[in-house]
ModelCIF file with pLDDT and N, C-alpha, C, O atoms, coordinates in Angstrom:
data_MODEL
#
_entry.id   MODEL 
#
_entity.id                         1 
_entity.type                       polymer 
_entity.pdbx_number_of_molecules   1 
#
_entity_poly.entity_id                      1 
_entity_poly.type                           'polypeptide(L)' 
_entity_poly.nstd_linkage                   no 
_entity_poly.nstd_monomer                   no 
_entity_poly.pdbx_seq_one_letter_code       VKKGSAPPKWMQRLGLNPARLDGLVSKFDVEGGKLIVIGKLTHSAG 
_entity_poly.pdbx_seq_one_letter_code_can   VKKGSAPPKWMQRLGLNPARLDGLVSKFDVEGGKLIVIGKLTHSAG 
_entity_poly.pdbx_strand_id                 A 
#
loop_
_entity_poly_seq.entity_id 
_entity_poly_seq.num 
_entity_poly_seq.mon_id 
_entity_poly_seq.hetero 
1 1  VAL n 
1 2  LYS n 
1 3  LYS n 
1 4  GLY n 
1 5  SER n 
1 6  ALA n 
1 7  PRO n 
1 8  PRO n 
1 9  LYS n 
1 10 TRP n 
1 11 MET n 
1 12 GLN n 
1 13 ARG n 
1 14 LEU n 
1 15 GLY n 
1 16 LEU n 
1 17 ASN n 
1 18 PRO n 
1 19 ALA n 
1 20 ARG n 
1 21 LEU n 
1 22 ASP n 
1 23 GLY n 
1 24 LEU n 
1 25 VAL n 
1 26 SER n 
1 27 LYS n 
1 28 PHE n 
1 29 ASP n 
1 30 VAL n 
1 31 GLU n 
1 32 GLY n 
1 33 GLY n 
1 34 LYS n 
1 35 LEU n 
1 36 ILE n 
1 37 VAL n 
1 38 ILE n 
1 39 GLY n 
1 40 LYS n 
1 41 LEU n 
1 42 THR n 
1 43 HIS n 
1 44 SER n 
1 45 ALA n 
1 46 GLY n 
#
_struct_asym.id          A 
_struct_asym.entity_id   1 
#
loop_
_ma_qa_metric.id 
_ma_qa_metric.mode 
_ma_qa_metric.name 
_ma_qa_metric.software_group_id 
_ma_qa_metric.type 
1 global pLDDT . pLDDT 
2 local  pLDDT . pLDDT 
#
_ma_qa_metric_global.metric_id      1 
_ma_qa_metric_global.metric_value   76.48 
_ma_qa_metric_global.model_id       1 
_ma_qa_metric_global.ordinal_id     1 
#
loop_
_ma_qa_metric_local.label_asym_id 
_ma_qa_metric_local.label_comp_id 
_ma_qa_metric_local.label_seq_id 
_ma_qa_metric_local.metric_id 
_ma_qa_metric_local.metric_value 
_ma_qa_metric_local.model_id 
_ma_qa_metric_local.ordinal_id 
A VAL 1  2 77.00 1 1  
A LYS 2  2 75.00 1 2  
A LYS 3  2 72.00 1 3  
A GLY 4  2 66.00 1 4  
A SER 5  2 67.00 1 5  
A ALA 6  2 65.00 1 6  
A PRO 7  2 67.00 1 7  
A PRO 8  2 70.00 1 8  
A LYS 9  2 74.00 1 9  
A TRP 10 2 68.00 1 10 
A MET 11 2 69.00 1 11 
A GLN 12 2 67.00 1 12 
A ARG 13 2 67.00 1 13 
A LEU 14 2 64.00 1 14 
A GLY 15 2 70.00 1 15 
A LEU 16 2 71.00 1 16 
A ASN 17 2 69.00 1 17 
A PRO 18 2 71.00 1 18 
A ALA 19 2 73.00 1 19 
A ARG 20 2 74.00 1 20 
A LEU 21 2 71.00 1 21 
A ASP 22 2 75.00 1 22 
A GLY 23 2 77.00 1 23 
A LEU 24 2 76.00 1 24 
A VAL 25 2 77.00 1 25 
A SER 26 2 81.00 1 26 
A LYS 27 2 80.00 1 27 
A PHE 28 2 83.00 1 28 
A ASP 29 2 83.00 1 29 
A VAL 30 2 84.00 1 30 
A GLU 31 2 86.00 1 31 
A GLY 32 2 87.00 1 32 
A GLY 33 2 89.00 1 33 
A LYS 34 2 90.00 1 34 
A LEU 35 2 89.00 1 35 
A ILE 36 2 92.00 1 36 
A VAL 37 2 90.00 1 37 
A ILE 38 2 87.00 1 38 
A GLY 39 2 86.00 1 39 
A LYS 40 2 86.00 1 40 
A LEU 41 2 83.00 1 41 
A THR 42 2 80.00 1 42 
A HIS 43 2 69.00 1 43 
A SER 44 2 68.00 1 44 
A ALA 45 2 74.00 1 45 
A GLY 46 2 79.00 1 46 
#
loop_
_atom_site.group_PDB 
_atom_site.id 
_atom_site.type_symbol 
_atom_site.label_atom_id 
_atom_site.label_alt_id 
_atom_site.label_comp_id 
_atom_site.label_asym_id 
_atom_site.label_entity_id 
_atom_site.label_seq_id 
_atom_site.pdbx_PDB_ins_code 
_atom_site.Cartn_x 
_atom_site.Cartn_y 
_atom_site.Cartn_z 
_atom_site.occupancy 
_atom_site.B_iso_or_equiv 
_atom_site.pdbx_formal_charge 
_atom_site.auth_seq_id 
_atom_site.auth_comp_id 
_atom_site.auth_asym_id 
_atom_site.auth_atom_id 
_atom_site.pdbx_PDB_model_num 
ATOM 1   N N  . VAL A 1 1  ? 4.040   9.544  0.389  1.00 77.00 ? 1  VAL A N  1 
ATOM 2   C CA . VAL A 1 1  ? 4.593   9.357  -0.957 1.00 77.00 ? 1  VAL A CA 1 
ATOM 3   C C  . VAL A 1 1  ? 3.964   10.394 -1.874 1.00 77.00 ? 1  VAL A C  1 
ATOM 4   O O  . VAL A 1 1  ? 2.741   10.481 -1.985 1.00 77.00 ? 1  VAL A O  1 
ATOM 5   N N  . LYS A 1 2  ? 4.792   11.162 -2.515 1.00 75.00 ? 2  LYS A N  1 
ATOM 6   C CA . LYS A 1 2  ? 4.301   12.172 -3.453 1.00 75.00 ? 2  LYS A CA 1 
ATOM 7   C C  . LYS A 1 2  ? 3.756   11.483 -4.692 1.00 75.00 ? 2  LYS A C  1 
ATOM 8   O O  . LYS A 1 2  ? 4.297   10.472 -5.141 1.00 75.00 ? 2  LYS A O  1 
ATOM 9   N N  . LYS A 1 3  ? 2.688   12.032 -5.238 1.00 72.00 ? 3  LYS A N  1 
ATOM 10  C CA . LYS A 1 3  ? 2.047   11.438 -6.409 1.00 72.00 ? 3  LYS A CA 1 
ATOM 11  C C  . LYS A 1 3  ? 3.035   11.324 -7.572 1.00 72.00 ? 3  LYS A C  1 
ATOM 12  O O  . LYS A 1 3  ? 3.698   12.294 -7.940 1.00 72.00 ? 3  LYS A O  1 
ATOM 13  N N  . GLY A 1 4  ? 3.118   10.124 -8.139 1.00 66.00 ? 4  GLY A N  1 
ATOM 14  C CA . GLY A 1 4  ? 3.965   9.890  -9.298 1.00 66.00 ? 4  GLY A CA 1 
ATOM 15  C C  . GLY A 1 4  ? 5.450   9.732  -8.998 1.00 66.00 ? 4  GLY A C  1 
ATOM 16  O O  . GLY A 1 4  ? 6.246   9.619  -9.930 1.00 66.00 ? 4  GLY A O  1 
ATOM 17  N N  . SER A 1 5  ? 5.845   9.720  -7.743 1.00 67.00 ? 5  SER A N  1 
ATOM 18  C CA . SER A 1 5  ? 7.266   9.584  -7.417 1.00 67.00 ? 5  SER A CA 1 
ATOM 19  C C  . SER A 1 5  ? 7.516   8.270  -6.679 1.00 67.00 ? 5  SER A C  1 
ATOM 20  O O  . SER A 1 5  ? 6.587   7.602  -6.227 1.00 67.00 ? 5  SER A O  1 
ATOM 21  N N  . ALA A 1 6  ? 8.772   7.929  -6.574 1.00 65.00 ? 6  ALA A N  1 
ATOM 22  C CA . ALA A 1 6  ? 9.165   6.716  -5.863 1.00 65.00 ? 6  ALA A CA 1 
ATOM 23  C C  . ALA A 1 6  ? 9.013   6.936  -4.362 1.00 65.00 ? 6  ALA A C  1 
ATOM 24  O O  . ALA A 1 6  ? 9.089   8.069  -3.888 1.00 65.00 ? 6  ALA A O  1 
ATOM 25  N N  . PRO A 1 7  ? 8.801   5.868  -3.621 1.00 67.00 ? 7  PRO A N  1 
ATOM 26  C CA . PRO A 1 7  ? 8.706   6.010  -2.164 1.00 67.00 ? 7  PRO A CA 1 
ATOM 27  C C  . PRO A 1 7  ? 10.026  6.512  -1.585 1.00 67.00 ? 7  PRO A C  1 
ATOM 28  O O  . PRO A 1 7  ? 11.078  6.309  -2.192 1.00 67.00 ? 7  PRO A O  1 
ATOM 29  N N  . PRO A 1 8  ? 9.990   7.161  -0.428 1.00 70.00 ? 8  PRO A N  1 
ATOM 30  C CA . PRO A 1 8  ? 11.225  7.610  0.207  1.00 70.00 ? 8  PRO A CA 1 
ATOM 31  C C  . PRO A 1 8  ? 12.137  6.417  0.518  1.00 70.00 ? 8  PRO A C  1 
ATOM 32  O O  . PRO A 1 8  ? 11.687  5.272  0.581  1.00 70.00 ? 8  PRO A O  1 
ATOM 33  N N  . LYS A 1 9  ? 13.418  6.710  0.709  1.00 74.00 ? 9  LYS A N  1 
ATOM 34  C CA . LYS A 1 9  ? 14.411  5.652  0.955  1.00 74.00 ? 9  LYS A CA 1 
ATOM 35  C C  . LYS A 1 9  ? 14.040  4.758  2.133  1.00 74.00 ? 9  LYS A C  1 
ATOM 36  O O  . LYS A 1 9  ? 14.196  3.539  2.060  1.00 74.00 ? 9  LYS A O  1 
ATOM 37  N N  . TRP A 1 10 ? 13.545  5.362  3.228  1.00 68.00 ? 10 TRP A N  1 
ATOM 38  C CA . TRP A 1 10 ? 13.233  4.554  4.406  1.00 68.00 ? 10 TRP A CA 1 
ATOM 39  C C  . TRP A 1 10 ? 12.112  3.564  4.120  1.00 68.00 ? 10 TRP A C  1 
ATOM 40  O O  . TRP A 1 10 ? 12.090  2.472  4.687  1.00 68.00 ? 10 TRP A O  1 
ATOM 41  N N  . MET A 1 11 ? 11.181  3.936  3.246  1.00 69.00 ? 11 MET A N  1 
ATOM 42  C CA . MET A 1 11 ? 10.114  3.005  2.878  1.00 69.00 ? 11 MET A CA 1 
ATOM 43  C C  . MET A 1 11 ? 10.650  1.901  1.967  1.00 69.00 ? 11 MET A C  1 
ATOM 44  O O  . MET A 1 11 ? 10.217  0.751  2.043  1.00 69.00 ? 11 MET A O  1 
ATOM 45  N N  . GLN A 1 12 ? 11.587  2.265  1.117  1.00 67.00 ? 12 GLN A N  1 
ATOM 46  C CA . GLN A 1 12 ? 12.173  1.262  0.239  1.00 67.00 ? 12 GLN A CA 1 
ATOM 47  C C  . GLN A 1 12 ? 12.969  0.240  1.050  1.00 67.00 ? 12 GLN A C  1 
ATOM 48  O O  . GLN A 1 12 ? 12.988  -0.944 0.714  1.00 67.00 ? 12 GLN A O  1 
ATOM 49  N N  . ARG A 1 13 ? 13.625  0.698  2.115  1.00 67.00 ? 13 ARG A N  1 
ATOM 50  C CA . ARG A 1 13 ? 14.346  -0.237 2.994  1.00 67.00 ? 13 ARG A CA 1 
ATOM 51  C C  . ARG A 1 13 ? 13.396  -1.203 3.678  1.00 67.00 ? 13 ARG A C  1 
ATOM 52  O O  . ARG A 1 13 ? 13.771  -2.332 3.997  1.00 67.00 ? 13 ARG A O  1 
ATOM 53  N N  . LEU A 1 14 ? 12.169  -0.762 3.902  1.00 64.00 ? 14 LEU A N  1 
ATOM 54  C CA . LEU A 1 14 ? 11.163  -1.629 4.515  1.00 64.00 ? 14 LEU A CA 1 
ATOM 55  C C  . LEU A 1 14 ? 10.469  -2.522 3.488  1.00 64.00 ? 14 LEU A C  1 
ATOM 56  O O  . LEU A 1 14 ? 9.596   -3.313 3.843  1.00 64.00 ? 14 LEU A O  1 
ATOM 57  N N  . GLY A 1 15 ? 10.853  -2.399 2.221  1.00 70.00 ? 15 GLY A N  1 
ATOM 58  C CA . GLY A 1 15 ? 10.321  -3.275 1.194  1.00 70.00 ? 15 GLY A CA 1 
ATOM 59  C C  . GLY A 1 15 ? 9.332   -2.642 0.241  1.00 70.00 ? 15 GLY A C  1 
ATOM 60  O O  . GLY A 1 15 ? 8.854   -3.322 -0.667 1.00 70.00 ? 15 GLY A O  1 
ATOM 61  N N  . LEU A 1 16 ? 9.003   -1.373 0.404  1.00 71.00 ? 16 LEU A N  1 
ATOM 62  C CA . LEU A 1 16 ? 8.057   -0.723 -0.500 1.00 71.00 ? 16 LEU A CA 1 
ATOM 63  C C  . LEU A 1 16 ? 8.833   -0.039 -1.621 1.00 71.00 ? 16 LEU A C  1 
ATOM 64  O O  . LEU A 1 16 ? 8.985   1.182  -1.635 1.00 71.00 ? 16 LEU A O  1 
ATOM 65  N N  . ASN A 1 17 ? 9.322   -0.849 -2.562 1.00 69.00 ? 17 ASN A N  1 
ATOM 66  C CA . ASN A 1 17 ? 10.042  -0.313 -3.713 1.00 69.00 ? 17 ASN A CA 1 
ATOM 67  C C  . ASN A 1 17 ? 9.022   0.161  -4.760 1.00 69.00 ? 17 ASN A C  1 
ATOM 68  O O  . ASN A 1 17 ? 7.825   -0.074 -4.592 1.00 69.00 ? 17 ASN A O  1 
ATOM 69  N N  . PRO A 1 18 ? 9.469   0.819  -5.830 1.00 71.00 ? 18 PRO A N  1 
ATOM 70  C CA . PRO A 1 18 ? 8.512   1.332  -6.819 1.00 71.00 ? 18 PRO A CA 1 
ATOM 71  C C  . PRO A 1 18 ? 7.593   0.251  -7.416 1.00 71.00 ? 18 PRO A C  1 
ATOM 72  O O  . PRO A 1 18 ? 6.417   0.507  -7.674 1.00 71.00 ? 18 PRO A O  1 
ATOM 73  N N  . ALA A 1 19 ? 8.136   -0.955 -7.632 1.00 73.00 ? 19 ALA A N  1 
ATOM 74  C CA . ALA A 1 19 ? 7.301   -2.025 -8.192 1.00 73.00 ? 19 ALA A CA 1 
ATOM 75  C C  . ALA A 1 19 ? 6.205   -2.426 -7.204 1.00 73.00 ? 19 ALA A C  1 
ATOM 76  O O  . ALA A 1 19 ? 5.054   -2.631 -7.589 1.00 73.00 ? 19 ALA A O  1 
ATOM 77  N N  . ARG A 1 20 ? 6.569   -2.533 -5.946 1.00 74.00 ? 20 ARG A N  1 
ATOM 78  C CA . ARG A 1 20 ? 5.560   -2.888 -4.933 1.00 74.00 ? 20 ARG A CA 1 
ATOM 79  C C  . ARG A 1 20 ? 4.562   -1.753 -4.729 1.00 74.00 ? 20 ARG A C  1 
ATOM 80  O O  . ARG A 1 20 ? 3.387   -1.997 -4.454 1.00 74.00 ? 20 ARG A O  1 
ATOM 81  N N  . LEU A 1 21 ? 5.026   -0.516 -4.864 1.00 71.00 ? 21 LEU A N  1 
ATOM 82  C CA . LEU A 1 21 ? 4.116   0.616  -4.767 1.00 71.00 ? 21 LEU A CA 1 
ATOM 83  C C  . LEU A 1 21 ? 3.081   0.548  -5.888 1.00 71.00 ? 21 LEU A C  1 
ATOM 84  O O  . LEU A 1 21 ? 1.896   0.789  -5.654 1.00 71.00 ? 21 LEU A O  1 
ATOM 85  N N  . ASP A 1 22 ? 3.518   0.223  -7.092 1.00 75.00 ? 22 ASP A N  1 
ATOM 86  C CA . ASP A 1 22 ? 2.576   0.052  -8.202 1.00 75.00 ? 22 ASP A CA 1 
ATOM 87  C C  . ASP A 1 22 ? 1.588   -1.070 -7.906 1.00 75.00 ? 22 ASP A C  1 
ATOM 88  O O  . ASP A 1 22 ? 0.399   -0.950 -8.200 1.00 75.00 ? 22 ASP A O  1 
ATOM 89  N N  . GLY A 1 23 ? 2.087   -2.165 -7.321 1.00 77.00 ? 23 GLY A N  1 
ATOM 90  C CA . GLY A 1 23 ? 1.215   -3.273 -6.948 1.00 77.00 ? 23 GLY A CA 1 
ATOM 91  C C  . GLY A 1 23 ? 0.209   -2.872 -5.885 1.00 77.00 ? 23 GLY A C  1 
ATOM 92  O O  . GLY A 1 23 ? -0.949  -3.286 -5.921 1.00 77.00 ? 23 GLY A O  1 
ATOM 93  N N  . LEU A 1 24 ? 0.668   -2.056 -4.931 1.00 76.00 ? 24 LEU A N  1 
ATOM 94  C CA . LEU A 1 24 ? -0.226  -1.561 -3.875 1.00 76.00 ? 24 LEU A CA 1 
ATOM 95  C C  . LEU A 1 24 ? -1.327  -0.694 -4.473 1.00 76.00 ? 24 LEU A C  1 
ATOM 96  O O  . LEU A 1 24 ? -2.498  -0.823 -4.114 1.00 76.00 ? 24 LEU A O  1 
ATOM 97  N N  . VAL A 1 25 ? -0.944  0.181  -5.378 1.00 77.00 ? 25 VAL A N  1 
ATOM 98  C CA . VAL A 1 25 ? -1.927  1.048  -6.033 1.00 77.00 ? 25 VAL A CA 1 
ATOM 99  C C  . VAL A 1 25 ? -2.936  0.197  -6.799 1.00 77.00 ? 25 VAL A C  1 
ATOM 100 O O  . VAL A 1 25 ? -4.141  0.438  -6.716 1.00 77.00 ? 25 VAL A O  1 
ATOM 101 N N  . SER A 1 26 ? -2.454  -0.788 -7.537 1.00 81.00 ? 26 SER A N  1 
ATOM 102 C CA . SER A 1 26 ? -3.352  -1.668 -8.302 1.00 81.00 ? 26 SER A CA 1 
ATOM 103 C C  . SER A 1 26 ? -4.285  -2.435 -7.378 1.00 81.00 ? 26 SER A C  1 
ATOM 104 O O  . SER A 1 26 ? -5.474  -2.580 -7.661 1.00 81.00 ? 26 SER A O  1 
ATOM 105 N N  . LYS A 1 27 ? -3.735  -2.926 -6.268 1.00 80.00 ? 27 LYS A N  1 
ATOM 106 C CA . LYS A 1 27 ? -4.538  -3.692 -5.305 1.00 80.00 ? 27 LYS A CA 1 
ATOM 107 C C  . LYS A 1 27 ? -5.662  -2.826 -4.736 1.00 80.00 ? 27 LYS A C  1 
ATOM 108 O O  . LYS A 1 27 ? -6.799  -3.285 -4.619 1.00 80.00 ? 27 LYS A O  1 
ATOM 109 N N  . PHE A 1 28 ? -5.354  -1.593 -4.386 1.00 83.00 ? 28 PHE A N  1 
ATOM 110 C CA . PHE A 1 28 ? -6.384  -0.709 -3.841 1.00 83.00 ? 28 PHE A CA 1 
ATOM 111 C C  . PHE A 1 28 ? -7.364  -0.253 -4.911 1.00 83.00 ? 28 PHE A C  1 
ATOM 112 O O  . PHE A 1 28 ? -8.522  0.025  -4.598 1.00 83.00 ? 28 PHE A O  1 
ATOM 113 N N  . ASP A 1 29 ? -6.922  -0.168 -6.188 1.00 83.00 ? 29 ASP A N  1 
ATOM 114 C CA . ASP A 1 29 ? -7.846  0.177  -7.265 1.00 83.00 ? 29 ASP A CA 1 
ATOM 115 C C  . ASP A 1 29 ? -8.899  -0.918 -7.436 1.00 83.00 ? 29 ASP A C  1 
ATOM 116 O O  . ASP A 1 29 ? -10.073 -0.633 -7.675 1.00 83.00 ? 29 ASP A O  1 
ATOM 117 N N  . VAL A 1 30 ? -8.464  -2.176 -7.310 1.00 84.00 ? 30 VAL A N  1 
ATOM 118 C CA . VAL A 1 30 ? -9.353  -3.309 -7.551 1.00 84.00 ? 30 VAL A CA 1 
ATOM 119 C C  . VAL A 1 30 ? -10.092 -3.751 -6.287 1.00 84.00 ? 30 VAL A C  1 
ATOM 120 O O  . VAL A 1 30 ? -11.298 -3.996 -6.320 1.00 84.00 ? 30 VAL A O  1 
ATOM 121 N N  . GLU A 1 31 ? -9.361  -3.850 -5.176 1.00 86.00 ? 31 GLU A N  1 
ATOM 122 C CA . GLU A 1 31 ? -9.929  -4.438 -3.959 1.00 86.00 ? 31 GLU A CA 1 
ATOM 123 C C  . GLU A 1 31 ? -9.835  -3.519 -2.745 1.00 86.00 ? 31 GLU A C  1 
ATOM 124 O O  . GLU A 1 31 ? -9.780  -4.004 -1.614 1.00 86.00 ? 31 GLU A O  1 
ATOM 125 N N  . GLY A 1 32 ? -9.817  -2.224 -2.951 1.00 87.00 ? 32 GLY A N  1 
ATOM 126 C CA . GLY A 1 32 ? -9.647  -1.282 -1.847 1.00 87.00 ? 32 GLY A CA 1 
ATOM 127 C C  . GLY A 1 32 ? -10.694 -1.429 -0.763 1.00 87.00 ? 32 GLY A C  1 
ATOM 128 O O  . GLY A 1 32 ? -10.371 -1.423 0.425  1.00 87.00 ? 32 GLY A O  1 
ATOM 129 N N  . GLY A 1 33 ? -11.938 -1.561 -1.165 1.00 89.00 ? 33 GLY A N  1 
ATOM 130 C CA . GLY A 1 33 ? -13.011 -1.694 -0.184 1.00 89.00 ? 33 GLY A CA 1 
ATOM 131 C C  . GLY A 1 33 ? -12.862 -2.932 0.669  1.00 89.00 ? 33 GLY A C  1 
ATOM 132 O O  . GLY A 1 33 ? -13.013 -2.879 1.890  1.00 89.00 ? 33 GLY A O  1 
ATOM 133 N N  . LYS A 1 34 ? -12.566 -4.042 0.028  1.00 90.00 ? 34 LYS A N  1 
ATOM 134 C CA . LYS A 1 34 ? -12.389 -5.300 0.758  1.00 90.00 ? 34 LYS A CA 1 
ATOM 135 C C  . LYS A 1 34 ? -11.201 -5.214 1.715  1.00 90.00 ? 34 LYS A C  1 
ATOM 136 O O  . LYS A 1 34 ? -11.277 -5.689 2.848  1.00 90.00 ? 34 LYS A O  1 
ATOM 137 N N  . LEU A 1 35 ? -10.115 -4.612 1.262  1.00 89.00 ? 35 LEU A N  1 
ATOM 138 C CA . LEU A 1 35 ? -8.936  -4.467 2.116  1.00 89.00 ? 35 LEU A CA 1 
ATOM 139 C C  . LEU A 1 35 ? -9.237  -3.614 3.349  1.00 89.00 ? 35 LEU A C  1 
ATOM 140 O O  . LEU A 1 35 ? -8.803  -3.939 4.453  1.00 89.00 ? 35 LEU A O  1 
ATOM 141 N N  . ILE A 1 36 ? -9.970  -2.537 3.159  1.00 92.00 ? 36 ILE A N  1 
ATOM 142 C CA . ILE A 1 36 ? -10.298 -1.663 4.285  1.00 92.00 ? 36 ILE A CA 1 
ATOM 143 C C  . ILE A 1 36 ? -11.191 -2.387 5.288  1.00 92.00 ? 36 ILE A C  1 
ATOM 144 O O  . ILE A 1 36 ? -10.956 -2.320 6.495  1.00 92.00 ? 36 ILE A O  1 
ATOM 145 N N  . VAL A 1 37 ? -12.209 -3.076 4.792  1.00 90.00 ? 37 VAL A N  1 
ATOM 146 C CA . VAL A 1 37 ? -13.118 -3.793 5.693  1.00 90.00 ? 37 VAL A CA 1 
ATOM 147 C C  . VAL A 1 37 ? -12.360 -4.860 6.473  1.00 90.00 ? 37 VAL A C  1 
ATOM 148 O O  . VAL A 1 37 ? -12.517 -4.958 7.690  1.00 90.00 ? 37 VAL A O  1 
ATOM 149 N N  . ILE A 1 38 ? -11.547 -5.654 5.800  1.00 87.00 ? 38 ILE A N  1 
ATOM 150 C CA . ILE A 1 38 ? -10.787 -6.704 6.488  1.00 87.00 ? 38 ILE A CA 1 
ATOM 151 C C  . ILE A 1 38 ? -9.797  -6.089 7.467  1.00 87.00 ? 38 ILE A C  1 
ATOM 152 O O  . ILE A 1 38 ? -9.679  -6.555 8.601  1.00 87.00 ? 38 ILE A O  1 
ATOM 153 N N  . GLY A 1 39 ? -9.086  -5.052 7.047  1.00 86.00 ? 39 GLY A N  1 
ATOM 154 C CA . GLY A 1 39 ? -8.110  -4.410 7.926  1.00 86.00 ? 39 GLY A CA 1 
ATOM 155 C C  . GLY A 1 39 ? -8.748  -3.820 9.165  1.00 86.00 ? 39 GLY A C  1 
ATOM 156 O O  . GLY A 1 39 ? -8.210  -3.948 10.265 1.00 86.00 ? 39 GLY A O  1 
ATOM 157 N N  . LYS A 1 40 ? -9.887  -3.177 8.995  1.00 86.00 ? 40 LYS A N  1 
ATOM 158 C CA . LYS A 1 40 ? -10.557 -2.562 10.147 1.00 86.00 ? 40 LYS A CA 1 
ATOM 159 C C  . LYS A 1 40 ? -11.145 -3.615 11.077 1.00 86.00 ? 40 LYS A C  1 
ATOM 160 O O  . LYS A 1 40 ? -11.086 -3.470 12.298 1.00 86.00 ? 40 LYS A O  1 
ATOM 161 N N  . LEU A 1 41 ? -11.702 -4.656 10.514 1.00 83.00 ? 41 LEU A N  1 
ATOM 162 C CA . LEU A 1 41 ? -12.334 -5.669 11.363 1.00 83.00 ? 41 LEU A CA 1 
ATOM 163 C C  . LEU A 1 41 ? -11.314 -6.565 12.064 1.00 83.00 ? 41 LEU A C  1 
ATOM 164 O O  . LEU A 1 41 ? -11.617 -7.132 13.113 1.00 83.00 ? 41 LEU A O  1 
ATOM 165 N N  . THR A 1 42 ? -10.113 -6.702 11.502 1.00 80.00 ? 42 THR A N  1 
ATOM 166 C CA . THR A 1 42 ? -9.088  -7.482 12.202 1.00 80.00 ? 42 THR A CA 1 
ATOM 167 C C  . THR A 1 42 ? -8.426  -6.664 13.290 1.00 80.00 ? 42 THR A C  1 
ATOM 168 O O  . THR A 1 42 ? -7.727  -7.215 14.141 1.00 80.00 ? 42 THR A O  1 
ATOM 169 N N  . HIS A 1 43 ? -8.632  -5.383 13.278 1.00 69.00 ? 43 HIS A N  1 
ATOM 170 C CA . HIS A 1 43 ? -8.126  -4.454 14.288 1.00 69.00 ? 43 HIS A CA 1 
ATOM 171 C C  . HIS A 1 43 ? -6.602  -4.297 14.243 1.00 69.00 ? 43 HIS A C  1 
ATOM 172 O O  . HIS A 1 43 ? -6.107  -3.173 14.317 1.00 69.00 ? 43 HIS A O  1 
ATOM 173 N N  . SER A 1 44 ? -5.855  -5.386 14.125 1.00 68.00 ? 44 SER A N  1 
ATOM 174 C CA . SER A 1 44 ? -4.393  -5.317 14.140 1.00 68.00 ? 44 SER A CA 1 
ATOM 175 C C  . SER A 1 44 ? -3.835  -4.693 12.869 1.00 68.00 ? 44 SER A C  1 
ATOM 176 O O  . SER A 1 44 ? -2.855  -3.949 12.912 1.00 68.00 ? 44 SER A O  1 
ATOM 177 N N  . ALA A 1 45 ? -4.457  -4.996 11.747 1.00 74.00 ? 45 ALA A N  1 
ATOM 178 C CA . ALA A 1 45 ? -3.941  -4.516 10.467 1.00 74.00 ? 45 ALA A CA 1 
ATOM 179 C C  . ALA A 1 45 ? -4.529  -3.171 10.074 1.00 74.00 ? 45 ALA A C  1 
ATOM 180 O O  . ALA A 1 45 ? -4.182  -2.625 9.027  1.00 74.00 ? 45 ALA A O  1 
ATOM 181 N N  . GLY A 1 46 ? -5.405  -2.640 10.893 1.00 79.00 ? 46 GLY A N  1 
ATOM 182 C CA . GLY A 1 46 ? -6.120  -1.423 10.537 1.00 79.00 ? 46 GLY A CA 1 
ATOM 183 C C  . GLY A 1 46 ? -5.238  -0.267 10.144 1.00 79.00 ? 46 GLY A C  1 
ATOM 184 O O  . GLY A 1 46 ? -5.739  0.811  9.823  1.00 79.00 ? 46 GLY A O  1 
#
């Protein structure tokens, strides 16, 4: 995803629309470290 632009069409079809992209960015701004640790330790979501 290019900085400041909407996700490509194929990502939007998978559910990553601009609003969800903003939510993803916010989530990683606030809880990025926790998400990475949980994702890596669960192995499946890594």
